[in-house]
Amino acid sequence: MKRSEETRTMTDVVFELEQLQKKLKEEINSLQSDKGLIQNDLEHYNKQLLITENNLKVKKEYFELLEGSIGCLNGQIFNKKYSERYKAKQRFENN
């Protein structure tokens, strides 16, 4: 009788271990699937990051060009106003 109980108990243990193994295999598969999804998301976000960095670089270059153009135009406007005032002053002094 004792031998039969030991066999049954061992059989129960083997069954429980097999169930645990099955559950772990499912969890491993789920984690591998999650890993694949995360890697795909990461690749997508890396591409988006590169696109965003490139757009940022281009926008900064445009900003700097506009800043330079505005500075140049403001300089021209100042020179024109100064020149017109100087000419008006000269005309006034000559009359």
PDB file of N, CA and C in Angstrom:
ATOM      1  N   MET A   1       0.816  -1.178   0.000  1.00  0.00           N
ATOM      2  CA  MET A   1       0.000   0.000   0.000  1.00  0.00           C
ATOM      3  C   MET A   1       0.873   1.262   0.000  1.00  0.00           C
ATOM      4  N   LYS A   2       1.898   1.240   0.748  1.00  0.00           N
ATOM      5  CA  LYS A   2       2.747   2.410   0.830  1.00  0.00           C
ATOM      6  C   LYS A   2       3.383   2.725  -0.518  1.00  0.00           C
ATOM      7  N   ARG A   3       3.809   1.725  -1.228  1.00  0.00           N
ATOM      8  CA  ARG A   3       4.416   1.910  -2.540  1.00  0.00           C
ATOM      9  C   ARG A   3       3.409   2.514  -3.516  1.00  0.00           C
ATOM     10  N   SER A   4       2.209   2.098  -3.456  1.00  0.00           N
ATOM     11  CA  SER A   4       1.158   2.613  -4.327  1.00  0.00           C
ATOM     12  C   SER A   4       0.896   4.096  -4.036  1.00  0.00           C
ATOM     13  N   GLU A   5       0.886   4.457  -2.783  1.00  0.00           N
ATOM     14  CA  GLU A   5       0.682   5.855  -2.401  1.00  0.00           C
ATOM     15  C   GLU A   5       1.846   6.720  -2.885  1.00  0.00           C
ATOM     16  N   GLU A   6       3.059   6.214  -2.763  1.00  0.00           N
ATOM     17  CA  GLU A   6       4.234   6.952  -3.226  1.00  0.00           C
ATOM     18  C   GLU A   6       4.172   7.173  -4.728  1.00  0.00           C
ATOM     19  N   THR A   7       3.745   6.118  -5.447  1.00  0.00           N
ATOM     20  CA  THR A   7       3.642   6.225  -6.903  1.00  0.00           C
ATOM     21  C   THR A   7       2.593   7.252  -7.279  1.00  0.00           C
ATOM     22  N   ARG A   8       1.469   7.189  -6.594  1.00  0.00           N
ATOM     23  CA  ARG A   8       0.400   8.144  -6.875  1.00  0.00           C
ATOM     24  C   ARG A   8       0.840   9.563  -6.519  1.00  0.00           C
ATOM     25  N   THR A   9       1.489   9.724  -5.439  1.00  0.00           N
ATOM     26  CA  THR A   9       1.959  11.033  -5.033  1.00  0.00           C
ATOM     27  C   THR A   9       2.988  11.543  -6.030  1.00  0.00           C
ATOM     28  N   MET A  10       3.885  10.694  -6.478  1.00  0.00           N
ATOM     29  CA  MET A  10       4.868  11.087  -7.478  1.00  0.00           C
ATOM     30  C   MET A  10       4.183  11.441  -8.796  1.00  0.00           C
ATOM     31  N   THR A  11       3.156  10.688  -9.136  1.00  0.00           N
ATOM     32  CA  THR A  11       2.393  10.955 -10.352  1.00  0.00           C
ATOM     33  C   THR A  11       1.718  12.326 -10.242  1.00  0.00           C
ATOM     34  N   ASP A  12       1.177  12.611  -9.060  1.00  0.00           N
ATOM     35  CA  ASP A  12       0.559  13.913  -8.838  1.00  0.00           C
ATOM     36  C   ASP A  12       1.587  15.040  -8.971  1.00  0.00           C
ATOM     37  N   VAL A  13       2.761  14.823  -8.401  1.00  0.00           N
ATOM     38  CA  VAL A  13       3.817  15.822  -8.476  1.00  0.00           C
ATOM     39  C   VAL A  13       4.231  16.058  -9.927  1.00  0.00           C
ATOM     40  N   VAL A  14       4.397  14.962 -10.676  1.00  0.00           N
ATOM     41  CA  VAL A  14       4.763  15.085 -12.092  1.00  0.00           C
ATOM     42  C   VAL A  14       3.677  15.850 -12.841  1.00  0.00           C
ATOM     43  N   PHE A  15       2.424  15.551 -12.576  1.00  0.00           N
ATOM     44  CA  PHE A  15       1.311  16.237 -13.234  1.00  0.00           C
ATOM     45  C   PHE A  15       1.346  17.732 -12.915  1.00  0.00           C
ATOM     46  N   GLU A  16       1.540  18.070 -11.642  1.00  0.00           N
ATOM     47  CA  GLU A  16       1.597  19.473 -11.234  1.00  0.00           C
ATOM     48  C   GLU A  16       2.779  20.190 -11.875  1.00  0.00           C
ATOM     49  N   LEU A  17       3.906  19.514 -11.936  1.00  0.00           N
ATOM     50  CA  LEU A  17       5.083  20.104 -12.580  1.00  0.00           C
ATOM     51  C   LEU A  17       4.849  20.316 -14.070  1.00  0.00           C
ATOM     52  N   GLU A  18       4.174  19.365 -14.709  1.00  0.00           N
ATOM     53  CA  GLU A  18       3.849  19.513 -16.132  1.00  0.00           C
ATOM     54  C   GLU A  18       2.897  20.697 -16.361  1.00  0.00           C
ATOM     55  N   GLN A  19       1.945  20.858 -15.441  1.00  0.00           N
ATOM     56  CA  GLN A  19       1.017  21.997 -15.536  1.00  0.00           C
ATOM     57  C   GLN A  19       1.762  23.322 -15.362  1.00  0.00           C
ATOM     58  N   LEU A  20       2.674  23.316 -14.397  1.00  0.00           N
ATOM     59  CA  LEU A  20       3.497  24.512 -14.181  1.00  0.00           C
ATOM     60  C   LEU A  20       4.352  24.799 -15.408  1.00  0.00           C
ATOM     61  N   GLN A  21       4.910  23.756 -15.988  1.00  0.00           N
ATOM     62  CA  GLN A  21       5.732  23.907 -17.194  1.00  0.00           C
ATOM     63  C   GLN A  21       4.889  24.462 -18.341  1.00  0.00           C
ATOM     64  N   LYS A  22       3.677  23.957 -18.484  1.00  0.00           N
ATOM     65  CA  LYS A  22       2.778  24.440 -19.537  1.00  0.00           C
ATOM     66  C   LYS A  22       2.456  25.922 -19.332  1.00  0.00           C
ATOM     67  N   LYS A  23       2.171  26.294 -18.075  1.00  0.00           N
ATOM     68  CA  LYS A  23       1.864  27.692 -17.766  1.00  0.00           C
ATOM     69  C   LYS A  23       3.072  28.578 -18.054  1.00  0.00           C
ATOM     70  N   LEU A  24       4.253  28.136 -17.668  1.00  0.00           N
ATOM     71  CA  LEU A  24       5.470  28.912 -17.925  1.00  0.00           C
ATOM     72  C   LEU A  24       5.725  29.058 -19.422  1.00  0.00           C
ATOM     73  N   LYS A  25       5.478  28.000 -20.178  1.00  0.00           N
ATOM     74  CA  LYS A  25       5.658  28.054 -21.634  1.00  0.00           C
ATOM     75  C   LYS A  25       4.723  29.101 -22.236  1.00  0.00           C
ATOM     76  N   GLU A  26       3.477  29.159 -21.759  1.00  0.00           N
ATOM     77  CA  GLU A  26       2.526  30.164 -22.242  1.00  0.00           C
ATOM     78  C   GLU A  26       2.997  31.574 -21.887  1.00  0.00           C
ATOM     79  N   GLU A  27       3.518  31.737 -20.672  1.00  0.00           N
ATOM     80  CA  GLU A  27       4.026  33.048 -20.262  1.00  0.00           C
ATOM     81  C   GLU A  27       5.247  33.448 -21.084  1.00  0.00           C
ATOM     82  N   ILE A  28       6.118  32.481 -21.369  1.00  0.00           N
ATOM     83  CA  ILE A  28       7.293  32.752 -22.211  1.00  0.00           C
ATOM     84  C   ILE A  28       6.848  33.190 -23.592  1.00  0.00           C
ATOM     85  N   ASN A  29       5.888  32.469 -24.179  1.00  0.00           N
ATOM     86  CA  ASN A  29       5.374  32.835 -25.503  1.00  0.00           C
ATOM     87  C   ASN A  29       4.761  34.239 -25.486  1.00  0.00           C
ATOM     88  N   SER A  30       4.025  34.537 -24.421  1.00  0.00           N
ATOM     89  CA  SER A  30       3.401  35.857 -24.305  1.00  0.00           C
ATOM     90  C   SER A  30       4.467  36.943 -24.201  1.00  0.00           C
ATOM     91  N   LEU A  31       5.490  36.696 -23.394  1.00  0.00           N
ATOM     92  CA  LEU A  31       6.567  37.678 -23.247  1.00  0.00           C
ATOM     93  C   LEU A  31       7.336  37.859 -24.552  1.00  0.00           C
ATOM     94  N   GLN A  32       7.554  36.771 -25.282  1.00  0.00           N
ATOM     95  CA  GLN A  32       8.240  36.884 -26.575  1.00  0.00           C
ATOM     96  C   GLN A  32       7.402  37.688 -27.557  1.00  0.00           C
ATOM     97  N   SER A  33       6.098  37.477 -27.515  1.00  0.00           N
ATOM     98  CA  SER A  33       5.200  38.250 -28.369  1.00  0.00           C
ATOM     99  C   SER A  33       5.247  39.731 -27.989  1.00  0.00           C
ATOM    100  N   ASP A  34       5.190  40.014 -26.688  1.00  0.00           N
ATOM    101  CA  ASP A  34       5.291  41.397 -26.205  1.00  0.00           C
ATOM    102  C   ASP A  34       6.605  42.022 -26.648  1.00  0.00           C
ATOM    103  N   LYS A  35       7.673  41.245 -26.542  1.00  0.00           N
ATOM    104  CA  LYS A  35       8.989  41.743 -26.938  1.00  0.00           C
ATOM    105  C   LYS A  35       8.981  42.136 -28.412  1.00  0.00           C
ATOM    106  N   GLY A  36       8.389  41.296 -29.253  1.00  0.00           N
ATOM    107  CA  GLY A  36       8.309  41.598 -30.682  1.00  0.00           C
ATOM    108  C   GLY A  36       7.514  42.864 -30.951  1.00  0.00           C
ATOM    109  N   LEU A  37       6.395  43.013 -30.258  1.00  0.00           N
ATOM    110  CA  LEU A  37       5.576  44.217 -30.433  1.00  0.00           C
ATOM    111  C   LEU A  37       6.333  45.468 -29.987  1.00  0.00           C
ATOM    112  N   ILE A  38       7.019  45.346 -28.862  1.00  0.00           N
ATOM    113  CA  ILE A  38       7.779  46.484 -28.344  1.00  0.00           C
ATOM    114  C   ILE A  38       8.914  46.844 -29.301  1.00  0.00           C
ATOM    115  N   GLN A  39       9.577  45.837 -29.858  1.00  0.00           N
ATOM    116  CA  GLN A  39      10.649  46.114 -30.818  1.00  0.00           C
ATOM    117  C   GLN A  39      10.103  46.828 -32.047  1.00  0.00           C
ATOM    118  N   ASN A  40       8.931  46.391 -32.528  1.00  0.00           N
ATOM    119  CA  ASN A  40       8.311  47.072 -33.672  1.00  0.00           C
ATOM    120  C   ASN A  40       7.972  48.516 -33.322  1.00  0.00           C
ATOM    121  N   ASP A  41       7.397  48.718 -32.119  1.00  0.00           N
ATOM    122  CA  ASP A  41       7.084  50.079 -31.679  1.00  0.00           C
ATOM    123  C   ASP A  41       8.359  50.907 -31.576  1.00  0.00           C
ATOM    124  N   LEU A  42       9.399  50.305 -31.029  1.00  0.00           N
ATOM    125  CA  LEU A  42      10.666  51.016 -30.863  1.00  0.00           C
ATOM    126  C   LEU A  42      11.238  51.429 -32.215  1.00  0.00           C
ATOM    127  N   GLU A  43      11.186  50.537 -33.195  1.00  0.00           N
ATOM    128  CA  GLU A  43      11.669  50.876 -34.535  1.00  0.00           C
ATOM    129  C   GLU A  43      10.852  52.043 -35.109  1.00  0.00           C
ATOM    130  N   HIS A  44       9.533  51.972 -34.902  1.00  0.00           N
ATOM    131  CA  HIS A  44       8.656  53.048 -35.393  1.00  0.00           C
ATOM    132  C   HIS A  44       9.013  54.372 -34.712  1.00  0.00           C
ATOM    133  N   TYR A  45       9.164  54.345 -33.396  1.00  0.00           N
ATOM    134  CA  TYR A  45       9.481  55.579 -32.671  1.00  0.00           C
ATOM    135  C   TYR A  45      10.867  56.092 -33.015  1.00  0.00           C
ATOM    136  N   ASN A  46      11.811  55.204 -33.267  1.00  0.00           N
ATOM    137  CA  ASN A  46      13.143  55.645 -33.691  1.00  0.00           C
ATOM    138  C   ASN A  46      13.070  56.355 -35.043  1.00  0.00           C
ATOM    139  N   LYS A  47      12.259  55.800 -35.962  1.00  0.00           N
ATOM    140  CA  LYS A  47      12.070  56.457 -37.256  1.00  0.00           C
ATOM    141  C   LYS A  47      11.412  57.818 -37.070  1.00  0.00           C
ATOM    142  N   GLN A  48      10.393  57.867 -36.212  1.00  0.00           N
ATOM    143  CA  GLN A  48       9.705  59.133 -35.956  1.00  0.00           C
ATOM    144  C   GLN A  48      10.652  60.143 -35.308  1.00  0.00           C
ATOM    145  N   LEU A  49      11.515  59.648 -34.425  1.00  0.00           N
ATOM    146  CA  LEU A  49      12.492  60.526 -33.783  1.00  0.00           C
ATOM    147  C   LEU A  49      13.448  61.114 -34.813  1.00  0.00           C
ATOM    148  N   LEU A  50      13.912  60.288 -35.748  1.00  0.00           N
ATOM    149  CA  LEU A  50      14.800  60.793 -36.802  1.00  0.00           C
ATOM    150  C   LEU A  50      14.097  61.830 -37.663  1.00  0.00           C
ATOM    151  N   ILE A  51      12.857  61.548 -38.011  1.00  0.00           N
ATOM    152  CA  ILE A  51      12.077  62.497 -38.816  1.00  0.00           C
ATOM    153  C   ILE A  51      11.913  63.811 -38.057  1.00  0.00           C
ATOM    154  N   THR A  52      11.582  63.713 -36.777  1.00  0.00           N
ATOM    155  CA  THR A  52      11.396  64.905 -35.955  1.00  0.00           C
ATOM    156  C   THR A  52      12.698  65.689 -35.825  1.00  0.00           C
ATOM    157  N   GLU A  53      13.806  64.985 -35.604  1.00  0.00           N
ATOM    158  CA  GLU A  53      15.107  65.663 -35.512  1.00  0.00           C
ATOM    159  C   GLU A  53      15.450  66.371 -36.818  1.00  0.00           C
ATOM    160  N   ASN A  54      15.185  65.723 -37.952  1.00  0.00           N
ATOM    161  CA  ASN A  54      15.448  66.352 -39.248  1.00  0.00           C
ATOM    162  C   ASN A  54      14.559  67.578 -39.450  1.00  0.00           C
ATOM    163  N   ASN A  55      13.274  67.445 -39.109  1.00  0.00           N
ATOM    164  CA  ASN A  55      12.363  68.587 -39.231  1.00  0.00           C
ATOM    165  C   ASN A  55      12.807  69.732 -38.340  1.00  0.00           C
ATOM    166  N   LEU A  56      13.242  69.398 -37.137  1.00  0.00           N
ATOM    167  CA  LEU A  56      13.724  70.427 -36.217  1.00  0.00           C
ATOM    168  C   LEU A  56      14.943  71.139 -36.782  1.00  0.00           C
ATOM    169  N   LYS A  57      15.857  70.375 -37.350  1.00  0.00           N
ATOM    170  CA  LYS A  57      17.063  70.957 -37.945  1.00  0.00           C
ATOM    171  C   LYS A  57      16.694  71.914 -39.082  1.00  0.00           C
ATOM    172  N   VAL A  58      15.793  71.466 -39.956  1.00  0.00           N
ATOM    173  CA  VAL A  58      15.379  72.296 -41.090  1.00  0.00           C
ATOM    174  C   VAL A  58      14.670  73.559 -40.605  1.00  0.00           C
ATOM    175  N   LYS A  59      13.789  73.422 -39.623  1.00  0.00           N
ATOM    176  CA  LYS A  59      13.064  74.587 -39.101  1.00  0.00           C
ATOM    177  C   LYS A  59      14.027  75.582 -38.460  1.00  0.00           C
ATOM    178  N   LYS A  60      15.018  75.065 -37.749  1.00  0.00           N
ATOM    179  CA  LYS A  60      16.016  75.968 -37.147  1.00  0.00           C
ATOM    180  C   LYS A  60      16.807  76.701 -38.228  1.00  0.00           C
ATOM    181  N   GLU A  61      17.149  75.985 -39.306  1.00  0.00           N
ATOM    182  CA  GLU A  61      17.863  76.631 -40.412  1.00  0.00           C
ATOM    183  C   GLU A  61      16.999  77.716 -41.047  1.00  0.00           C
ATOM    184  N   TYR A  62      15.710  77.408 -41.265  1.00  0.00           N
ATOM    185  CA  TYR A  62      14.800  78.417 -41.815  1.00  0.00           C
ATOM    186  C   TYR A  62      14.696  79.610 -40.876  1.00  0.00           C
ATOM    187  N   PHE A  63      14.598  79.333 -39.588  1.00  0.00           N
ATOM    188  CA  PHE A  63      14.500  80.402 -38.599  1.00  0.00           C
ATOM    189  C   PHE A  63      15.724  81.306 -38.663  1.00  0.00           C
ATOM    190  N   GLU A  64      16.888  80.693 -38.729  1.00  0.00           N
ATOM    191  CA  GLU A  64      18.122  81.475 -38.797  1.00  0.00           C
ATOM    192  C   GLU A  64      18.191  82.290 -40.086  1.00  0.00           C
ATOM    193  N   LEU A  65      17.732  81.696 -41.205  1.00  0.00           N
ATOM    194  CA  LEU A  65      17.703  82.448 -42.462  1.00  0.00           C
ATOM    195  C   LEU A  65      16.748  83.636 -42.370  1.00  0.00           C
ATOM    196  N   LEU A  66      15.584  83.401 -41.796  1.00  0.00           N
ATOM    197  CA  LEU A  66      14.628  84.492 -41.629  1.00  0.00           C
ATOM    198  C   LEU A  66      15.182  85.559 -40.699  1.00  0.00           C
ATOM    199  N   GLU A  67      15.830  85.123 -39.634  1.00  0.00           N
ATOM    200  CA  GLU A  67      16.417  86.069 -38.695  1.00  0.00           C
ATOM    201  C   GLU A  67      17.466  86.945 -39.394  1.00  0.00           C
ATOM    202  N   GLY A  68      18.286  86.300 -40.215  1.00  0.00           N
ATOM    203  CA  GLY A  68      19.287  87.047 -40.980  1.00  0.00           C
ATOM    204  C   GLY A  68      18.657  87.998 -41.971  1.00  0.00           C
ATOM    205  N   SER A  69      17.618  87.520 -42.662  1.00  0.00           N
ATOM    206  CA  SER A  69      16.922  88.373 -43.638  1.00  0.00           C
ATOM    207  C   SER A  69      16.274  89.569 -42.956  1.00  0.00           C
ATOM    208  N   ILE A  70      15.643  89.325 -41.822  1.00  0.00           N
ATOM    209  CA  ILE A  70      14.997  90.419 -41.081  1.00  0.00           C
ATOM    210  C   ILE A  70      16.041  91.439 -40.636  1.00  0.00           C
ATOM    211  N   GLY A  71      17.154  90.940 -40.121  1.00  0.00           N
ATOM    212  CA  GLY A  71      18.228  91.847 -39.700  1.00  0.00           C
ATOM    213  C   GLY A  71      18.748  92.669 -40.863  1.00  0.00           C
ATOM    214  N   CYS A  72      18.930  92.022 -41.999  1.00  0.00           N
ATOM    215  CA  CYS A  72      19.423  92.727 -43.191  1.00  0.00           C
ATOM    216  C   CYS A  72      18.416  93.779 -43.646  1.00  0.00           C
ATOM    217  N   LEU A  73      17.154  93.404 -43.715  1.00  0.00           N
ATOM    218  CA  LEU A  73      16.120  94.355 -44.142  1.00  0.00           C
ATOM    219  C   LEU A  73      15.984  95.509 -43.159  1.00  0.00           C
ATOM    220  N   ASN A  74      16.042  95.209 -41.867  1.00  0.00           N
ATOM    221  CA  ASN A  74      15.984  96.290 -40.879  1.00  0.00           C
ATOM    222  C   ASN A  74      17.168  97.235 -41.044  1.00  0.00           C
ATOM    223  N   GLY A  75      18.323  96.675 -41.361  1.00  0.00           N
ATOM    224  CA  GLY A  75      19.494  97.514 -41.623  1.00  0.00           C
ATOM    225  C   GLY A  75      19.285  98.412 -42.827  1.00  0.00           C
ATOM    226  N   GLN A  76      18.729  97.840 -43.884  1.00  0.00           N
ATOM    227  CA  GLN A  76      18.458  98.627 -45.086  1.00  0.00           C
ATOM    228  C   GLN A  76      17.429  99.727 -44.811  1.00  0.00           C
ATOM    229  N   ILE A  77      16.412  99.374 -44.055  1.00  0.00           N
ATOM    230  CA  ILE A  77      15.381 100.364 -43.709  1.00  0.00           C
ATOM    231  C   ILE A  77      16.000 101.506 -42.903  1.00  0.00           C
ATOM    232  N   PHE A  78      16.827 101.131 -41.931  1.00  0.00           N
ATOM    233  CA  PHE A  78      17.491 102.153 -41.122  1.00  0.00           C
ATOM    234  C   PHE A  78      18.363 103.055 -41.989  1.00  0.00           C
ATOM    235  N   ASN A  79      19.144 102.434 -42.871  1.00  0.00           N
ATOM    236  CA  ASN A  79      20.021 103.222 -43.748  1.00  0.00           C
ATOM    237  C   ASN A  79      19.222 104.148 -44.658  1.00  0.00           C
ATOM    238  N   LYS A  80      18.109 103.634 -45.179  1.00  0.00           N
ATOM    239  CA  LYS A  80      17.276 104.441 -46.074  1.00  0.00           C
ATOM    240  C   LYS A  80      16.694 105.632 -45.311  1.00  0.00           C
ATOM    241  N   LYS A  81      16.185 105.368 -44.106  1.00  0.00           N
ATOM    242  CA  LYS A  81      15.615 106.459 -43.308  1.00  0.00           C
ATOM    243  C   LYS A  81      16.692 107.482 -42.957  1.00  0.00           C
ATOM    244  N   TYR A  82      17.846 106.972 -42.574  1.00  0.00           N
ATOM    245  CA  TYR A  82      18.944 107.875 -42.220  1.00  0.00           C
ATOM    246  C   TYR A  82      19.345 108.711 -43.438  1.00  0.00           C
ATOM    247  N   SER A  83      19.440 108.033 -44.588  1.00  0.00           N
ATOM    248  CA  SER A  83      19.826 108.721 -45.824  1.00  0.00           C
ATOM    249  C   SER A  83      18.793 109.770 -46.198  1.00  0.00           C
ATOM    250  N   GLU A  84      17.525 109.429 -46.076  1.00  0.00           N
ATOM    251  CA  GLU A  84      16.466 110.398 -46.406  1.00  0.00           C
ATOM    252  C   GLU A  84      16.495 111.579 -45.453  1.00  0.00           C
ATOM    253  N   ARG A  85      16.716 111.307 -44.167  1.00  0.00           N
ATOM    254  CA  ARG A  85      16.801 112.398 -43.191  1.00  0.00           C
ATOM    255  C   ARG A  85      18.014 113.285 -43.479  1.00  0.00           C
ATOM    256  N   TYR A  86      19.113 112.637 -43.827  1.00  0.00           N
ATOM    257  CA  TYR A  86      20.331 113.399 -44.130  1.00  0.00           C
ATOM    258  C   TYR A  86      20.114 114.287 -45.355  1.00  0.00           C
ATOM    259  N   LYS A  87      19.491 113.689 -46.402  1.00  0.00           N
ATOM    260  CA  LYS A  87      19.222 114.477 -47.618  1.00  0.00           C
ATOM    261  C   LYS A  87      18.271 115.627 -47.313  1.00  0.00           C
ATOM    262  N   ALA A  88      17.255 115.358 -46.501  1.00  0.00           N
ATOM    263  CA  ALA A  88      16.299 116.429 -46.145  1.00  0.00           C
ATOM    264  C   ALA A  88      17.000 117.521 -45.364  1.00  0.00           C
ATOM    265  N   LYS A  89      17.884 117.113 -44.464  1.00  0.00           N
ATOM    266  CA  LYS A  89      18.635 118.091 -43.678  1.00  0.00           C
ATOM    267  C   LYS A  89      19.528 118.926 -44.587  1.00  0.00           C
ATOM    268  N   GLN A  90      20.165 118.286 -45.559  1.00  0.00           N
ATOM    269  CA  GLN A  90      21.035 119.001 -46.500  1.00  0.00           C
ATOM    270  C   GLN A  90      20.224 119.997 -47.323  1.00  0.00           C
ATOM    271  N   ARG A  91      19.041 119.559 -47.794  1.00  0.00           N
ATOM    272  CA  ARG A  91      18.186 120.456 -48.572  1.00  0.00           C
ATOM    273  C   ARG A  91      17.755 121.653 -47.721  1.00  0.00           C
ATOM    274  N   PHE A  92      17.409 121.343 -46.480  1.00  0.00           N
ATOM    275  CA  PHE A  92      16.975 122.416 -45.583  1.00  0.00           C
ATOM    276  C   PHE A  92      18.099 123.414 -45.337  1.00  0.00           C
ATOM    277  N   GLU A  93      19.303 122.894 -45.128  1.00  0.00           N
ATOM    278  CA  GLU A  93      20.446 123.768 -44.871  1.00  0.00           C
ATOM    279  C   GLU A  93      20.833 124.571 -46.121  1.00  0.00           C
ATOM    280  N   ASN A  94      20.653 123.992 -47.281  1.00  0.00           N
ATOM    281  CA  ASN A  94      21.011 124.677 -48.521  1.00  0.00           C
ATOM    282  C   ASN A  94      19.992 125.753 -48.901  1.00  0.00           C
ATOM    283  N   ASN A  95      18.804 125.649 -48.382  1.00  0.00           N
ATOM    284  CA  ASN A  95      17.777 126.643 -48.728  1.00  0.00           C
ATOM    285  C   ASN A  95      17.796 127.720 -47.750  1.00  0.00           C
TER     286      ASN A  95
END
